[in-house]
Amino acid sequence: MREKREKKKQNWFVRMFIPWKGDRAGDIALKLVSIAALIAFVVSAGYLGNYYWESYQNRSKTDDLVQLYKKPQGESSAGAGSSEAPPMTQEQKFAALLAENPDTVGWVEVPGTGISLPVVQAKDNDYYLRRDFYGDYDKYGTAFLDYRNTLDPNSTNTVIYSHNMKDGRMFGELMGYEKLDFYKAHPVFTFDTPKQQQTFKVFAVFVATTEAKYGEVFNYHDFIQADSEEAFDNFVAEVNKRNLLKTTVDVKYGDELATLSTCTYEFNRPGRAVDARLVVMGRKVRPDESAEVDVSAASLNGSALMPDIWYEINNATKPS
């Protein structure tokens, strides 16, 4: 008797949600819509679950790498924070990271943000696009130095790339530099290497497209080494034409520059994906100056040159 009741309940459930012989057309349609909605919910839940899991995994990996970077080799957790512990040398800071991955070349950080990442360098600019610090597949990739750059001595322009992820990870927070308040709160970034500590004053932020159909392509990433003072000045002039900011940071021939480059999706529209970049450039603090930046006089540059697609979207006239 009990088995019959259970079977009856199961049949009721099936007939309630699954199209059944004898159902009216309206009932069948309603059931099909319900099934489609259930499938969509399951797929969406799975997508969101995977999204948050991948984000958590990336955060966890980065936290582990921070510990490797900031904890001296061979020292206990208690000893690491001891006031008696001698300060670490640059080589000691990077020893653990280099032991894990010999491609390690530095650590980039924008103080006061979540950008605090190891930087690697491969034989090309593709290898670490979808690989984590350990070389395993990871859509977040790893921040990497342009393969053409040298660090001993430094190239004129040190170019570092990383993704702009939807959860703000990697270089996602660089998008904040399009707003004046964000720049004023974060006017410097650092790029330390096993050889030296380096602080860069942000002097320019601009947007560039990589496709000629959306406007003139400015190959900022190809400026690695200045062959002459004229070449340097011409490059800086091109940067300043596009600069979204007006800052008090001056740049002159002989200065070392650093470029942080990431994707921007601000021009994307339904059915159209525009490949563009948000670029933040800094000038290395000179030996005879303070790392402090006077941001009180900083302002936005209303006449910055933008890719053609920007004028199309904003129904504006491109300056001649």
Protein backbone atom coordinates (compact mmCIF):
# COMPACT_ATOMS: atom_id res chain seq x y z
CA MET A 1 0.00 0.00 0.00
CA ARG A 2 2.81 2.37 0.90
CA GLU A 3 4.61 1.63 -2.40
CA LYS A 4 1.44 2.50 -4.32
CA ARG A 5 1.16 5.84 -2.50
CA GLU A 6 4.82 6.66 -3.29
CA LYS A 7 4.33 5.74 -6.93
CA LYS A 8 1.21 7.88 -7.09
CA LYS A 9 3.16 10.86 -5.70
CA GLN A 10 5.93 10.34 -8.30
CA ASN A 11 3.40 10.15 -11.13
CA TRP A 12 1.76 13.36 -9.88
CA PHE A 13 5.12 15.15 -9.87
CA VAL A 14 5.97 13.96 -13.39
CA ARG A 15 2.56 14.92 -14.78
CA MET A 16 2.78 18.29 -13.04
CA PHE A 17 5.97 19.36 -14.80
CA ILE A 18 6.53 17.02 -17.78
CA PRO A 19 4.33 17.16 -20.91
CA TRP A 20 2.00 14.16 -20.75
CA LYS A 21 -0.35 12.39 -23.13
CA GLY A 22 -3.74 13.97 -22.76
CA ASP A 23 -2.43 17.39 -21.69
CA ARG A 24 -4.10 20.38 -23.26
CA ALA A 25 -1.99 22.54 -25.61
CA GLY A 26 -1.88 25.32 -23.05
CA ASP A 27 -0.65 22.99 -20.32
CA ILE A 28 2.07 21.63 -22.59
CA ALA A 29 3.24 25.14 -23.46
CA LEU A 30 3.30 26.12 -19.77
CA LYS A 31 5.32 23.03 -18.85
CA LEU A 32 7.82 23.64 -21.66
CA VAL A 33 8.29 27.23 -20.53
CA SER A 34 8.80 26.04 -16.95
CA ILE A 35 11.39 23.48 -18.08
CA ALA A 36 13.22 26.12 -20.14
CA ALA A 37 13.23 28.49 -17.15
CA LEU A 38 14.59 25.75 -14.90
CA ILE A 39 17.37 24.93 -17.37
CA ALA A 40 18.26 28.62 -17.70
CA PHE A 41 18.37 28.95 -13.91
CA VAL A 42 20.65 25.91 -13.55
CA VAL A 43 22.98 27.15 -16.31
CA SER A 44 23.10 30.67 -14.84
CA ALA A 45 23.74 29.34 -11.35
CA GLY A 46 26.52 27.15 -12.70
CA TYR A 47 28.06 30.09 -14.56
CA LEU A 48 27.92 32.35 -11.50
CA GLY A 49 29.27 29.61 -9.30
CA ASN A 50 32.19 29.05 -11.65
CA TYR A 51 32.78 32.81 -11.93
CA TYR A 52 33.04 33.25 -8.16
CA TRP A 53 35.10 30.10 -7.77
CA GLU A 54 37.64 31.27 -10.36
CA SER A 55 37.77 34.69 -8.70
CA TYR A 56 38.34 33.08 -5.31
CA GLN A 57 41.05 30.84 -6.75
CA ASN A 58 42.87 33.81 -8.25
CA ARG A 59 42.67 35.78 -5.03
CA SER A 60 43.96 32.79 -3.06
CA LYS A 61 46.89 32.27 -5.44
CA THR A 62 47.81 35.94 -5.27
CA ASP A 63 47.64 35.97 -1.47
CA ASP A 64 50.01 33.00 -1.38
CA LEU A 65 52.44 34.81 -3.69
CA VAL A 66 52.29 37.92 -1.51
CA GLN A 67 53.38 35.77 1.41
CA LEU A 68 56.27 34.36 -0.61
CA TYR A 69 57.34 37.88 -1.55
CA LYS A 70 57.05 39.57 1.82
CA LYS A 71 58.34 36.80 4.07
CA PRO A 72 62.13 36.27 4.25
CA GLN A 73 63.50 32.93 3.16
CA GLY A 74 64.06 30.51 6.04
CA GLU A 75 62.41 32.71 8.66
CA SER A 76 59.47 31.66 10.82
CA SER A 77 56.21 33.56 10.90
CA ALA A 78 57.09 34.90 14.34
CA GLY A 79 60.53 35.97 13.24
CA ALA A 80 59.22 37.67 10.10
CA GLY A 81 57.45 40.32 12.16
CA SER A 82 60.11 40.66 14.82
CA SER A 83 61.53 44.12 15.39
CA GLU A 84 64.93 42.48 15.73
CA ALA A 85 64.80 40.91 12.26
CA PRO A 86 67.18 42.68 9.85
CA PRO A 87 65.56 44.32 6.82
CA MET A 88 65.41 42.10 3.76
CA THR A 89 67.60 42.80 0.77
CA GLN A 90 65.98 42.90 -2.65
CA GLU A 91 67.49 39.52 -3.47
CA GLN A 92 65.98 38.02 -0.31
CA LYS A 93 62.54 39.43 -1.13
CA PHE A 94 62.52 37.69 -4.48
CA ALA A 95 64.36 34.48 -3.55
CA ALA A 96 61.22 32.43 -2.86
CA LEU A 97 59.43 33.70 -5.97
CA LEU A 98 62.44 32.96 -8.15
CA ALA A 99 62.69 29.48 -6.68
CA GLU A 100 59.08 28.86 -7.77
CA ASN A 101 59.42 30.56 -11.15
CA PRO A 102 62.73 31.73 -12.65
CA ASP A 103 60.76 33.99 -15.03
CA THR A 104 60.06 36.34 -12.11
CA VAL A 105 61.43 39.83 -12.81
CA GLY A 106 59.63 42.09 -10.37
CA TRP A 107 56.62 43.10 -8.31
CA VAL A 108 54.19 45.84 -9.34
CA GLU A 109 51.98 47.65 -6.86
CA VAL A 110 49.64 50.61 -6.81
CA PRO A 111 49.55 51.54 -3.11
CA GLY A 112 46.07 51.69 -1.64
CA THR A 113 44.53 49.39 -4.27
CA GLY A 114 44.30 45.64 -4.83
CA ILE A 115 47.02 45.80 -7.47
CA SER A 116 49.97 44.02 -5.87
CA LEU A 117 51.26 41.39 -8.24
CA PRO A 118 54.34 39.45 -9.28
CA VAL A 119 55.64 40.29 -12.75
CA VAL A 120 57.17 37.68 -15.04
CA GLN A 121 58.85 37.82 -18.44
CA ALA A 122 58.80 35.19 -21.18
CA LYS A 123 60.28 34.95 -24.69
CA ASP A 124 57.09 36.46 -26.13
CA ASN A 125 54.05 38.45 -25.05
CA ASP A 126 51.64 35.51 -25.34
CA TYR A 127 52.87 32.87 -22.93
CA TYR A 128 51.47 34.35 -19.70
CA LEU A 129 48.23 35.71 -21.16
CA ARG A 130 46.36 32.63 -19.95
CA ARG A 131 48.84 31.03 -17.57
CA ASP A 132 49.22 31.59 -13.87
CA PHE A 133 52.50 32.18 -12.05
CA TYR A 134 53.15 28.42 -12.04
CA GLY A 135 52.52 27.96 -15.76
CA ASP A 136 49.09 26.33 -15.43
CA TYR A 137 46.09 27.45 -17.48
CA ASP A 138 44.31 30.39 -15.86
CA LYS A 139 42.15 32.91 -17.70
CA TYR A 140 43.41 35.60 -15.30
CA GLY A 141 46.95 35.13 -16.61
CA THR A 142 49.93 36.76 -14.90
CA ALA A 143 51.21 40.33 -15.08
CA PHE A 144 54.15 40.25 -17.48
CA LEU A 145 56.93 42.46 -18.74
CA ASP A 146 57.26 43.03 -22.48
CA TYR A 147 59.74 40.48 -23.80
CA ARG A 148 61.79 43.26 -25.41
CA ASN A 149 62.44 45.06 -22.12
CA THR A 150 65.67 44.88 -20.15
CA LEU A 151 66.06 45.67 -16.46
CA ASP A 152 69.79 45.73 -15.94
CA PRO A 153 70.04 48.46 -17.07
CA ASN A 154 66.41 49.51 -17.46
CA SER A 155 64.97 50.20 -20.88
CA THR A 156 63.75 53.74 -21.45
CA ASN A 157 60.17 52.53 -21.10
CA THR A 158 59.31 49.49 -18.98
CA VAL A 159 56.04 48.05 -20.31
CA ILE A 160 53.91 45.78 -18.07
CA TYR A 161 50.70 44.11 -19.22
CA SER A 162 47.85 42.45 -17.35
CA HIS A 163 44.15 41.72 -17.82
CA ASN A 164 41.21 43.87 -16.80
CA MET A 165 38.95 41.23 -15.23
CA LYS A 166 35.23 41.69 -14.55
CA ASP A 167 35.77 41.21 -10.82
CA GLY A 168 38.39 43.98 -10.78
CA ARG A 169 41.27 41.57 -10.33
CA MET A 170 44.69 41.93 -12.00
CA PHE A 171 44.85 45.44 -13.58
CA GLY A 172 41.10 46.04 -13.39
CA GLU A 173 41.44 48.89 -10.90
CA LEU A 174 43.54 50.90 -13.36
CA MET A 175 40.24 52.00 -14.91
CA GLY A 176 39.85 54.28 -11.91
CA TYR A 177 42.56 56.56 -13.32
CA GLU A 178 40.02 57.98 -15.75
CA LYS A 179 38.65 59.87 -12.75
CA LEU A 180 40.55 62.73 -11.14
CA ASP A 181 39.80 61.72 -7.55
CA PHE A 182 41.30 58.28 -8.12
CA TYR A 183 44.49 59.79 -9.55
CA LYS A 184 44.80 62.16 -6.60
CA ALA A 185 44.49 59.22 -4.21
CA HIS A 186 47.00 57.07 -6.14
CA PRO A 187 49.56 59.36 -7.84
CA VAL A 188 52.40 56.80 -7.73
CA PHE A 189 53.01 53.12 -8.34
CA THR A 190 56.01 50.93 -7.63
CA PHE A 191 57.85 48.32 -9.64
CA ASP A 192 60.51 46.60 -7.57
CA THR A 193 63.01 44.11 -8.99
CA PRO A 194 65.61 41.82 -7.42
CA LYS A 195 68.08 44.62 -8.04
CA GLN A 196 66.25 47.78 -6.99
CA GLN A 197 63.21 49.49 -5.52
CA GLN A 198 61.51 51.84 -7.95
CA THR A 199 58.73 54.37 -7.55
CA PHE A 200 57.04 56.00 -10.54
CA LYS A 201 54.99 59.18 -10.54
CA VAL A 202 51.92 58.91 -12.75
CA PHE A 203 52.08 61.60 -15.41
CA ALA A 204 49.72 60.28 -18.08
CA VAL A 205 46.60 58.19 -18.57
CA PHE A 206 45.15 57.58 -22.01
CA VAL A 207 42.97 55.31 -24.10
CA ALA A 208 44.14 53.74 -27.35
CA THR A 209 42.61 51.42 -29.90
CA THR A 210 44.48 48.53 -31.50
CA GLU A 211 42.37 48.50 -34.69
CA ALA A 212 42.67 51.16 -37.39
CA LYS A 213 38.94 50.99 -38.18
CA TYR A 214 38.26 52.56 -34.79
CA GLY A 215 40.84 55.33 -35.10
CA GLU A 216 44.54 55.99 -35.41
CA VAL A 217 46.55 53.22 -33.78
CA PHE A 218 49.10 54.56 -31.31
CA ASN A 219 51.69 51.83 -30.76
CA TYR A 220 52.81 53.09 -27.36
CA HIS A 221 54.01 49.59 -26.43
CA ASP A 222 56.60 49.64 -29.20
CA PHE A 223 58.46 52.52 -27.59
CA ILE A 224 60.93 50.54 -25.51
CA GLN A 225 64.24 52.28 -26.00
CA ALA A 226 64.82 55.91 -27.02
CA ASP A 227 67.40 56.15 -29.79
CA SER A 228 67.71 59.90 -29.36
CA GLU A 229 66.42 62.88 -27.44
CA GLU A 230 64.21 63.75 -30.40
CA ALA A 231 62.62 60.29 -30.38
CA PHE A 232 61.98 60.54 -26.65
CA ASP A 233 60.45 64.01 -26.88
CA ASN A 234 58.26 63.00 -29.83
CA PHE A 235 56.92 60.00 -27.95
CA VAL A 236 56.12 62.02 -24.82
CA ALA A 237 54.40 64.63 -27.01
CA GLU A 238 52.19 61.92 -28.54
CA VAL A 239 51.35 60.65 -25.06
CA ASN A 240 50.46 64.13 -23.84
CA LYS A 241 48.15 64.72 -26.83
CA ARG A 242 46.08 61.79 -25.53
CA ASN A 243 46.60 62.43 -21.82
CA LEU A 244 43.35 62.51 -19.84
CA LEU A 245 45.14 64.27 -17.00
CA LYS A 246 47.01 67.48 -16.39
CA THR A 247 49.55 66.84 -13.64
CA THR A 248 52.52 68.60 -12.08
CA VAL A 249 54.85 65.72 -12.99
CA ASP A 250 57.39 66.82 -15.59
CA VAL A 251 59.18 64.45 -17.98
CA LYS A 252 62.48 65.07 -19.69
CA TYR A 253 65.02 63.19 -21.76
CA GLY A 254 67.03 60.85 -19.55
CA ASP A 255 64.06 59.93 -17.37
CA GLU A 256 63.03 56.31 -17.05
CA LEU A 257 59.37 55.56 -17.78
CA ALA A 258 57.05 52.70 -16.90
CA THR A 259 53.81 51.78 -18.66
CA LEU A 260 50.93 49.77 -17.19
CA SER A 261 48.68 48.48 -19.96
CA THR A 262 45.31 46.72 -19.76
CA CYS A 263 42.17 46.19 -21.84
CA THR A 264 39.23 48.57 -21.67
CA TYR A 265 35.71 47.67 -22.73
CA GLU A 266 34.19 51.15 -22.56
CA PHE A 267 33.55 51.27 -26.32
CA ASN A 268 31.80 47.91 -26.49
CA ARG A 269 28.20 47.87 -27.64
CA PRO A 270 25.79 44.97 -28.27
CA GLY A 271 27.12 43.10 -31.27
CA ARG A 272 30.35 45.12 -31.37
CA ALA A 273 33.48 44.46 -29.35
CA VAL A 274 36.13 47.16 -29.68
CA ASP A 275 39.70 46.14 -28.86
CA ALA A 276 41.08 49.06 -26.86
CA ARG A 277 43.59 49.72 -24.09
CA LEU A 278 43.72 51.84 -20.96
CA VAL A 279 47.30 52.95 -20.35
CA VAL A 280 48.84 54.44 -17.22
CA MET A 281 52.34 55.88 -17.51
CA GLY A 282 54.75 56.86 -14.76
CA ARG A 283 58.07 58.64 -14.60
CA LYS A 284 60.65 57.17 -12.23
CA VAL A 285 61.44 59.25 -9.17
CA ARG A 286 64.77 60.95 -9.76
CA PRO A 287 67.63 60.46 -7.30
CA ASP A 288 67.44 64.06 -6.11
CA GLU A 289 63.69 64.39 -5.59
CA SER A 290 60.96 63.30 -3.20
CA ALA A 291 58.45 60.61 -4.12
CA GLU A 292 55.67 62.95 -2.96
CA VAL A 293 53.41 64.35 -5.69
CA ASP A 294 51.55 67.65 -5.47
CA VAL A 295 48.11 66.66 -6.70
CA SER A 296 46.35 69.87 -5.65
CA ALA A 297 46.82 71.44 -9.08
CA ALA A 298 45.94 68.31 -11.07
CA SER A 299 42.93 68.44 -13.38
CA LEU A 300 41.26 66.58 -16.22
CA ASN A 301 42.27 67.40 -19.78
CA GLY A 302 39.08 68.19 -21.69
CA SER A 303 40.86 68.26 -25.04
CA ALA A 304 42.62 64.88 -24.86
CA LEU A 305 42.79 63.10 -28.22
CA MET A 306 40.62 59.97 -28.17
CA PRO A 307 40.16 57.12 -30.66
CA ASP A 308 37.66 57.93 -33.42
CA ILE A 309 35.16 55.51 -31.93
CA TRP A 310 34.89 57.78 -28.87
CA TYR A 311 33.69 60.73 -30.98
CA GLU A 312 31.20 58.49 -32.75
CA ILE A 313 29.72 57.17 -29.51
CA ASN A 314 29.60 60.60 -27.87
CA ASN A 315 28.40 62.42 -31.01
CA ALA A 316 31.37 64.77 -30.70
CA THR A 317 33.70 66.41 -33.22
CA LYS A 318 37.29 65.24 -33.34
CA PRO A 319 39.74 68.15 -33.01
CA SER A 320 41.75 68.86 -36.16
